[in-house]
């Protein structure tokens, strides 16, 4: 089927160059590009991989940290980083 497309000049120029380099006609290049795009659009979307927490498995002897332990670790890290900067 014959049709007319209004495409940007730079796109047509790039398509013509690509067709010559690939040893095909512009018509073939455009037909393949459109077919590939339509096939991708019809393909099912890849499944969404849901991450569940925890994203690591704690060792057998691991125990949850208390809020006080976390705060103490943050204070210690701030002190250590402050000493590195000074």
PDB file of N, CA and C in Angstrom:
ATOM      1  N   UNK A   1       0.857  -1.163   0.000  1.00  0.00           N
ATOM      2  CA  UNK A   1       0.000   0.000   0.000  1.00  0.00           C
ATOM      3  C   UNK A   1       0.905   1.228   0.000  1.00  0.00           C
ATOM      4  N   UNK A   2       0.576   2.175  -0.757  1.00  0.00           N
ATOM      5  CA  UNK A   2       1.336   3.410  -0.854  1.00  0.00           C
ATOM      6  C   UNK A   2       0.733   4.421   0.114  1.00  0.00           C
ATOM      7  N   UNK A   3       1.618   5.124   0.847  1.00  0.00           N
ATOM      8  CA  UNK A   3       1.162   6.141   1.792  1.00  0.00           C
ATOM      9  C   UNK A   3       2.184   7.261   1.849  1.00  0.00           C
ATOM     10  N   UNK A   4       1.793   8.372   2.404  1.00  0.00           N
ATOM     11  CA  UNK A   4       2.684   9.518   2.534  1.00  0.00           C
ATOM     12  C   UNK A   4       2.863   9.828   4.011  1.00  0.00           C
ATOM     13  N   UNK A   5       4.112  10.022   4.398  1.00  0.00           N
ATOM     14  CA  UNK A   5       4.421  10.366   5.779  1.00  0.00           C
ATOM     15  C   UNK A   5       5.140  11.702   5.804  1.00  0.00           C
ATOM     16  N   UNK A   6       4.833  12.513   6.777  1.00  0.00           N
ATOM     17  CA  UNK A   6       5.525  13.790   6.962  1.00  0.00           C
ATOM     18  C   UNK A   6       6.477  13.602   8.136  1.00  0.00           C
ATOM     19  N   UNK A   7       7.767  13.399   7.809  1.00  0.00           N
ATOM     20  CA  UNK A   7       8.781  13.139   8.827  1.00  0.00           C
ATOM     21  C   UNK A   7       9.801  14.263   8.851  1.00  0.00           C
ATOM     22  N   UNK A   8      10.451  14.473   9.982  1.00  0.00           N
ATOM     23  CA  UNK A   8      11.504  15.489  10.050  1.00  0.00           C
ATOM     24  C   UNK A   8      12.630  15.156   9.063  1.00  0.00           C
ATOM     25  N   UNK A   9      13.183  16.195   8.436  1.00  0.00           N
ATOM     26  CA  UNK A   9      14.228  15.997   7.430  1.00  0.00           C
ATOM     27  C   UNK A   9      15.420  15.220   7.968  1.00  0.00           C
ATOM     28  N   UNK A  10      15.859  15.538   9.187  1.00  0.00           N
ATOM     29  CA  UNK A  10      17.026  14.863   9.732  1.00  0.00           C
ATOM     30  C   UNK A  10      16.761  13.373   9.973  1.00  0.00           C
ATOM     31  N   UNK A  11      15.512  13.016  10.327  1.00  0.00           N
ATOM     32  CA  UNK A  11      15.166  11.612  10.528  1.00  0.00           C
ATOM     33  C   UNK A  11      15.186  10.863   9.202  1.00  0.00           C
ATOM     34  N   UNK A  12      14.636  11.462   8.168  1.00  0.00           N
ATOM     35  CA  UNK A  12      14.635  10.830   6.847  1.00  0.00           C
ATOM     36  C   UNK A  12      16.066  10.644   6.355  1.00  0.00           C
ATOM     37  N   UNK A  13      16.897  11.653   6.541  1.00  0.00           N
ATOM     38  CA  UNK A  13      18.292  11.565   6.116  1.00  0.00           C
ATOM     39  C   UNK A  13      19.008  10.425   6.845  1.00  0.00           C
ATOM     40  N   UNK A  14      18.818  10.338   8.160  1.00  0.00           N
ATOM     41  CA  UNK A  14      19.439   9.255   8.940  1.00  0.00           C
ATOM     42  C   UNK A  14      18.918   7.893   8.498  1.00  0.00           C
ATOM     43  N   UNK A  15      17.625   7.808   8.211  1.00  0.00           N
ATOM     44  CA  UNK A  15      17.031   6.542   7.771  1.00  0.00           C
ATOM     45  C   UNK A  15      17.583   6.131   6.412  1.00  0.00           C
ATOM     46  N   UNK A  16      17.745   7.063   5.510  1.00  0.00           N
ATOM     47  CA  UNK A  16      18.297   6.753   4.189  1.00  0.00           C
ATOM     48  C   UNK A  16      19.726   6.232   4.318  1.00  0.00           C
ATOM     49  N   UNK A  17      20.515   6.887   5.145  1.00  0.00           N
ATOM     50  CA  UNK A  17      21.906   6.458   5.356  1.00  0.00           C
ATOM     51  C   UNK A  17      21.940   5.064   5.969  1.00  0.00           C
ATOM     52  N   UNK A  18      21.091   4.821   6.970  1.00  0.00           N
ATOM     53  CA  UNK A  18      21.043   3.506   7.619  1.00  0.00           C
ATOM     54  C   UNK A  18      20.625   2.429   6.620  1.00  0.00           C
ATOM     55  N   UNK A  19      19.665   2.723   5.768  1.00  0.00           N
ATOM     56  CA  UNK A  19      19.216   1.749   4.770  1.00  0.00           C
ATOM     57  C   UNK A  19      20.340   1.382   3.818  1.00  0.00           C
ATOM     58  N   UNK A  20      21.081   2.382   3.338  1.00  0.00           N
ATOM     59  CA  UNK A  20      22.193   2.120   2.425  1.00  0.00           C
ATOM     60  C   UNK A  20      23.251   1.275   3.122  1.00  0.00           C
ATOM     61  N   UNK A  21      23.584   1.626   4.360  1.00  0.00           N
ATOM     62  CA  UNK A  21      24.608   0.876   5.097  1.00  0.00           C
ATOM     63  C   UNK A  21      24.189  -0.570   5.327  1.00  0.00           C
ATOM     64  N   UNK A  22      22.892  -0.789   5.462  1.00  0.00           N
ATOM     65  CA  UNK A  22      22.401  -2.143   5.709  1.00  0.00           C
ATOM     66  C   UNK A  22      22.071  -2.890   4.423  1.00  0.00           C
ATOM     67  N   UNK A  23      22.231  -2.215   3.308  1.00  0.00           N
ATOM     68  CA  UNK A  23      21.970  -2.860   2.022  1.00  0.00           C
ATOM     69  C   UNK A  23      20.507  -3.129   1.767  1.00  0.00           C
ATOM     70  N   UNK A  24      19.648  -2.223   2.173  1.00  0.00           N
ATOM     71  CA  UNK A  24      18.214  -2.394   1.961  1.00  0.00           C
ATOM     72  C   UNK A  24      17.611  -1.076   1.504  1.00  0.00           C
ATOM     73  N   UNK A  25      16.373  -1.140   1.090  1.00  0.00           N
ATOM     74  CA  UNK A  25      15.691   0.077   0.660  1.00  0.00           C
ATOM     75  C   UNK A  25      15.143   0.815   1.878  1.00  0.00           C
ATOM     76  N   UNK A  26      14.864   2.080   1.685  1.00  0.00           N
ATOM     77  CA  UNK A  26      14.241   2.877   2.744  1.00  0.00           C
ATOM     78  C   UNK A  26      12.895   2.269   3.121  1.00  0.00           C
ATOM     79  N   UNK A  27      12.169   1.795   2.114  1.00  0.00           N
ATOM     80  CA  UNK A  27      10.860   1.177   2.346  1.00  0.00           C
ATOM     81  C   UNK A  27      10.992  -0.024   3.282  1.00  0.00           C
ATOM     82  N   UNK A  28      11.988  -0.873   3.050  1.00  0.00           N
ATOM     83  CA  UNK A  28      12.192  -2.055   3.890  1.00  0.00           C
ATOM     84  C   UNK A  28      12.582  -1.659   5.309  1.00  0.00           C
ATOM     85  N   UNK A  29      13.484  -0.682   5.407  1.00  0.00           N
ATOM     86  CA  UNK A  29      13.911  -0.225   6.732  1.00  0.00           C
ATOM     87  C   UNK A  29      12.730   0.303   7.542  1.00  0.00           C
ATOM     88  N   UNK A  30      11.909   1.133   6.928  1.00  0.00           N
ATOM     89  CA  UNK A  30      10.764   1.714   7.628  1.00  0.00           C
ATOM     90  C   UNK A  30       9.750   0.632   7.980  1.00  0.00           C
ATOM     91  N   UNK A  31       9.499  -0.291   7.064  1.00  0.00           N
ATOM     92  CA  UNK A  31       8.537  -1.363   7.334  1.00  0.00           C
ATOM     93  C   UNK A  31       8.993  -2.221   8.508  1.00  0.00           C
ATOM     94  N   UNK A  32      10.287  -2.555   8.541  1.00  0.00           N
ATOM     95  CA  UNK A  32      10.804  -3.348   9.661  1.00  0.00           C
ATOM     96  C   UNK A  32      10.720  -2.586  10.976  1.00  0.00           C
ATOM     97  N   UNK A  33      11.035  -1.294  10.932  1.00  0.00           N
ATOM     98  CA  UNK A  33      10.991  -0.491  12.161  1.00  0.00           C
ATOM     99  C   UNK A  33       9.565  -0.409  12.702  1.00  0.00           C
ATOM    100  N   UNK A  34       8.610  -0.196  11.822  1.00  0.00           N
ATOM    101  CA  UNK A  34       7.211  -0.109  12.262  1.00  0.00           C
ATOM    102  C   UNK A  34       6.747  -1.462  12.791  1.00  0.00           C
ATOM    103  N   UNK A  35       7.098  -2.553  12.086  1.00  0.00           N
ATOM    104  CA  UNK A  35       6.698  -3.891  12.534  1.00  0.00           C
ATOM    105  C   UNK A  35       7.297  -4.210  13.897  1.00  0.00           C
ATOM    106  N   UNK A  36       8.574  -3.857  14.095  1.00  0.00           N
ATOM    107  CA  UNK A  36       9.229  -4.119  15.374  1.00  0.00           C
ATOM    108  C   UNK A  36       8.567  -3.315  16.491  1.00  0.00           C
ATOM    109  N   UNK A  37       8.260  -2.061  16.237  1.00  0.00           N
ATOM    110  CA  UNK A  37       7.624  -1.224  17.245  1.00  0.00           C
ATOM    111  C   UNK A  37       6.251  -1.763  17.617  1.00  0.00           C
ATOM    112  N   UNK A  38       5.488  -2.193  16.624  1.00  0.00           N
ATOM    113  CA  UNK A  38       4.160  -2.739  16.914  1.00  0.00           C
ATOM    114  C   UNK A  38       4.249  -4.055  17.679  1.00  0.00           C
ATOM    115  N   UNK A  39       5.246  -4.877  17.353  1.00  0.00           N
ATOM    116  CA  UNK A  39       5.416  -6.148  18.073  1.00  0.00           C
ATOM    117  C   UNK A  39       5.777  -5.891  19.523  1.00  0.00           C
ATOM    118  N   UNK A  40       6.631  -4.897  19.761  1.00  0.00           N
ATOM    119  CA  UNK A  40       7.011  -4.565  21.134  1.00  0.00           C
ATOM    120  C   UNK A  40       5.822  -4.014  21.905  1.00  0.00           C
ATOM    121  N   UNK A  41       4.985  -3.235  21.228  1.00  0.00           N
ATOM    122  CA  UNK A  41       3.821  -2.653  21.902  1.00  0.00           C
ATOM    123  C   UNK A  41       2.812  -3.733  22.276  1.00  0.00           C
ATOM    124  N   UNK A  42       2.739  -4.796  21.465  1.00  0.00           N
ATOM    125  CA  UNK A  42       1.796  -5.884  21.736  1.00  0.00           C
ATOM    126  C   UNK A  42       2.345  -6.909  22.711  1.00  0.00           C
ATOM    127  N   UNK A  43       3.651  -6.887  22.929  1.00  0.00           N
ATOM    128  CA  UNK A  43       4.262  -7.861  23.838  1.00  0.00           C
ATOM    129  C   UNK A  43       3.816  -7.572  25.269  1.00  0.00           C
ATOM    130  N   UNK A  44       3.599  -8.622  26.036  1.00  0.00           N
ATOM    131  CA  UNK A  44       3.202  -8.388  27.430  1.00  0.00           C
ATOM    132  C   UNK A  44       4.339  -7.714  28.194  1.00  0.00           C
ATOM    133  N   UNK A  45       3.962  -6.857  29.091  1.00  0.00           N
ATOM    134  CA  UNK A  45       4.954  -6.161  29.913  1.00  0.00           C
ATOM    135  C   UNK A  45       5.643  -7.172  30.819  1.00  0.00           C
ATOM    136  N   UNK A  46       6.933  -6.978  31.064  1.00  0.00           N
ATOM    137  CA  UNK A  46       7.617  -7.908  31.964  1.00  0.00           C
ATOM    138  C   UNK A  46       6.997  -7.824  33.354  1.00  0.00           C
ATOM    139  N   UNK A  47       6.966  -8.941  34.053  1.00  0.00           N
ATOM    140  CA  UNK A  47       6.345  -8.920  35.378  1.00  0.00           C
ATOM    141  C   UNK A  47       7.115  -8.001  36.326  1.00  0.00           C
ATOM    142  N   UNK A  48       6.367  -7.346  37.182  1.00  0.00           N
ATOM    143  CA  UNK A  48       6.973  -6.468  38.172  1.00  0.00           C
ATOM    144  C   UNK A  48       7.499  -7.342  39.305  1.00  0.00           C
ATOM    145  N   UNK A  49       8.765  -7.163  39.589  1.00  0.00           N
ATOM    146  CA  UNK A  49       9.369  -7.949  40.666  1.00  0.00           C
ATOM    147  C   UNK A  49       9.188  -7.190  41.968  1.00  0.00           C
ATOM    148  N   UNK A  50       8.415  -7.743  42.841  1.00  0.00           N
ATOM    149  CA  UNK A  50       8.154  -7.111  44.122  1.00  0.00           C
ATOM    150  C   UNK A  50       9.249  -7.492  45.107  1.00  0.00           C
ATOM    151  N   UNK A  51       9.759  -6.519  45.812  1.00  0.00           N
ATOM    152  CA  UNK A  51      10.757  -6.768  46.840  1.00  0.00           C
ATOM    153  C   UNK A  51      10.039  -6.864  48.166  1.00  0.00           C
ATOM    154  N   UNK A  52      10.342  -7.917  48.889  1.00  0.00           N
ATOM    155  CA  UNK A  52       9.756  -8.060  50.218  1.00  0.00           C
ATOM    156  C   UNK A  52      10.849  -7.835  51.250  1.00  0.00           C
ATOM    157  N   UNK A  53      10.469  -7.361  52.381  1.00  0.00           N
ATOM    158  CA  UNK A  53      11.423  -7.065  53.431  1.00  0.00           C
ATOM    159  C   UNK A  53      11.377  -8.142  54.485  1.00  0.00           C
ATOM    160  N   UNK A  54      12.472  -8.520  55.079  1.00  0.00           N
ATOM    161  CA  UNK A  54      13.802  -7.981  54.853  1.00  0.00           C
ATOM    162  C   UNK A  54      14.371  -8.493  53.532  1.00  0.00           C
ATOM    163  N   UNK A  55      15.238  -7.692  52.916  1.00  0.00           N
ATOM    164  CA  UNK A  55      15.821  -8.094  51.646  1.00  0.00           C
ATOM    165  C   UNK A  55      17.061  -8.956  51.860  1.00  0.00           C
ATOM    166  N   UNK A  56      17.364  -9.257  53.085  1.00  0.00           N
ATOM    167  CA  UNK A  56      18.450 -10.176  53.422  1.00  0.00           C
ATOM    168  C   UNK A  56      17.936 -11.082  54.523  1.00  0.00           C
ATOM    169  N   UNK A  57      18.572 -12.174  54.661  1.00  0.00           N
ATOM    170  CA  UNK A  57      18.178 -13.119  55.707  1.00  0.00           C
ATOM    171  C   UNK A  57      19.150 -12.959  56.878  1.00  0.00           C
ATOM    172  N   UNK A  58      18.652 -12.626  58.056  1.00  0.00           N
ATOM    173  CA  UNK A  58      19.546 -12.479  59.207  1.00  0.00           C
ATOM    174  C   UNK A  58      20.117 -13.834  59.613  1.00  0.00           C
ATOM    175  N   UNK A  59      21.284 -13.774  60.211  1.00  0.00           N
ATOM    176  CA  UNK A  59      21.882 -15.018  60.697  1.00  0.00           C
ATOM    177  C   UNK A  59      21.064 -15.523  61.881  1.00  0.00           C
ATOM    178  N   UNK A  60      21.331 -16.733  62.271  1.00  0.00           N
ATOM    179  CA  UNK A  60      20.558 -17.374  63.337  1.00  0.00           C
ATOM    180  C   UNK A  60      20.672 -16.612  64.639  1.00  0.00           C
ATOM    181  N   UNK A  61      21.849 -16.068  64.941  1.00  0.00           N
ATOM    182  CA  UNK A  61      22.044 -15.400  66.220  1.00  0.00           C
ATOM    183  C   UNK A  61      21.717 -13.902  66.165  1.00  0.00           C
ATOM    184  N   UNK A  62      21.171 -13.425  65.053  1.00  0.00           N
ATOM    185  CA  UNK A  62      20.843 -11.999  64.935  1.00  0.00           C
ATOM    186  C   UNK A  62      19.624 -11.673  65.793  1.00  0.00           C
ATOM    187  N   UNK A  63      19.629 -10.457  66.333  1.00  0.00           N
ATOM    188  CA  UNK A  63      18.482 -10.002  67.110  1.00  0.00           C
ATOM    189  C   UNK A  63      18.134  -8.586  66.651  1.00  0.00           C
ATOM    190  N   UNK A  64      16.904  -8.183  66.769  1.00  0.00           N
ATOM    191  CA  UNK A  64      16.529  -6.822  66.372  1.00  0.00           C
ATOM    192  C   UNK A  64      17.199  -5.787  67.273  1.00  0.00           C
ATOM    193  N   UNK A  65      17.560  -4.647  66.690  1.00  0.00           N
ATOM    194  CA  UNK A  65      18.146  -3.561  67.473  1.00  0.00           C
ATOM    195  C   UNK A  65      17.039  -2.728  68.097  1.00  0.00           C
ATOM    196  N   UNK A  66      17.304  -2.211  69.256  1.00  0.00           N
ATOM    197  CA  UNK A  66      16.351  -1.314  69.896  1.00  0.00           C
ATOM    198  C   UNK A  66      16.574   0.098  69.353  1.00  0.00           C
ATOM    199  N   UNK A  67      15.600   0.962  69.553  1.00  0.00           N
ATOM    200  CA  UNK A  67      15.725   2.354  69.118  1.00  0.00           C
ATOM    201  C   UNK A  67      16.910   3.023  69.812  1.00  0.00           C
ATOM    202  N   UNK A  68      17.148   2.700  71.061  1.00  0.00           N
ATOM    203  CA  UNK A  68      18.270   3.282  71.797  1.00  0.00           C
ATOM    204  C   UNK A  68      19.608   2.856  71.194  1.00  0.00           C
ATOM    205  N   UNK A  69      19.714   1.593  70.798  1.00  0.00           N
ATOM    206  CA  UNK A  69      20.951   1.111  70.176  1.00  0.00           C
ATOM    207  C   UNK A  69      21.202   1.791  68.831  1.00  0.00           C
ATOM    208  N   UNK A  70      20.156   1.996  68.074  1.00  0.00           N
ATOM    209  CA  UNK A  70      20.299   2.680  66.783  1.00  0.00           C
ATOM    210  C   UNK A  70      20.759   4.113  67.002  1.00  0.00           C
ATOM    211  N   UNK A  71      20.132   4.814  67.964  1.00  0.00           N
ATOM    212  CA  UNK A  71      20.524   6.199  68.265  1.00  0.00           C
ATOM    213  C   UNK A  71      21.973   6.263  68.738  1.00  0.00           C
ATOM    214  N   UNK A  72      22.382   5.343  69.580  1.00  0.00           N
ATOM    215  CA  UNK A  72      23.758   5.316  70.071  1.00  0.00           C
ATOM    216  C   UNK A  72      24.735   5.087  68.916  1.00  0.00           C
ATOM    217  N   UNK A  73      24.382   4.206  67.984  1.00  0.00           N
ATOM    218  CA  UNK A  73      25.232   3.967  66.816  1.00  0.00           C
ATOM    219  C   UNK A  73      25.321   5.223  65.937  1.00  0.00           C
ATOM    220  N   UNK A  74      24.204   5.936  65.787  1.00  0.00           N
ATOM    221  CA  UNK A  74      24.210   7.165  64.985  1.00  0.00           C
ATOM    222  C   UNK A  74      25.098   8.229  65.625  1.00  0.00           C
ATOM    223  N   UNK A  75      24.990   8.369  66.947  1.00  0.00           N
ATOM    224  CA  UNK A  75      25.824   9.337  67.659  1.00  0.00           C
ATOM    225  C   UNK A  75      27.297   8.978  67.489  1.00  0.00           C
ATOM    226  N   UNK A  76      27.623   7.709  67.637  1.00  0.00           N
ATOM    227  CA  UNK A  76      29.007   7.254  67.474  1.00  0.00           C
ATOM    228  C   UNK A  76      29.508   7.495  66.050  1.00  0.00           C
ATOM    229  N   UNK A  77      28.666   7.231  65.066  1.00  0.00           N
ATOM    230  CA  UNK A  77      29.069   7.465  63.670  1.00  0.00           C
ATOM    231  C   UNK A  77      29.274   8.954  63.408  1.00  0.00           C
ATOM    232  N   UNK A  78      28.368   9.798  63.915  1.00  0.00           N
ATOM    233  CA  UNK A  78      28.527  11.250  63.763  1.00  0.00           C
ATOM    234  C   UNK A  78      29.833  11.718  64.414  1.00  0.00           C
ATOM    235  N   UNK A  79      30.147  11.192  65.602  1.00  0.00           N
ATOM    236  CA  UNK A  79      31.382  11.555  66.282  1.00  0.00           C
ATOM    237  C   UNK A  79      32.598  11.130  65.467  1.00  0.00           C
ATOM    238  N   UNK A  80      32.547   9.906  64.943  1.00  0.00           N
ATOM    239  CA  UNK A  80      33.656   9.380  64.153  1.00  0.00           C
ATOM    240  C   UNK A  80      33.837  10.195  62.863  1.00  0.00           C
ATOM    241  N   UNK A  81      32.749  10.490  62.165  1.00  0.00           N
ATOM    242  CA  UNK A  81      32.829  11.265  60.935  1.00  0.00           C
ATOM    243  C   UNK A  81      33.292  12.685  61.209  1.00  0.00           C
ATOM    244  N   UNK A  82      32.859  13.246  62.348  1.00  0.00           N
ATOM    245  CA  UNK A  82      33.297  14.589  62.722  1.00  0.00           C
ATOM    246  C   UNK A  82      34.813  14.622  62.967  1.00  0.00           C
ATOM    247  N   UNK A  83      35.341  13.568  63.544  1.00  0.00           N
ATOM    248  CA  UNK A  83      36.782  13.485  63.796  1.00  0.00           C
ATOM    249  C   UNK A  83      37.542  13.339  62.473  1.00  0.00           C
ATOM    250  N   UNK A  84      36.948  12.660  61.499  1.00  0.00           N
ATOM    251  CA  UNK A  84      37.604  12.512  60.205  1.00  0.00           C
ATOM    252  C   UNK A  84      37.657  13.823  59.435  1.00  0.00           C
ATOM    253  N   UNK A  85      36.635  14.631  59.576  1.00  0.00           N
ATOM    254  CA  UNK A  85      36.551  15.909  58.847  1.00  0.00           C
ATOM    255  C   UNK A  85      37.474  16.945  59.474  1.00  0.00           C
ATOM    256  N   UNK A  86      37.546  16.956  60.815  1.00  0.00           N
ATOM    257  CA  UNK A  86      38.340  17.979  61.514  1.00  0.00           C
ATOM    258  C   UNK A  86      39.819  17.803  61.356  1.00  0.00           C
TER     259      UNK A  86
END
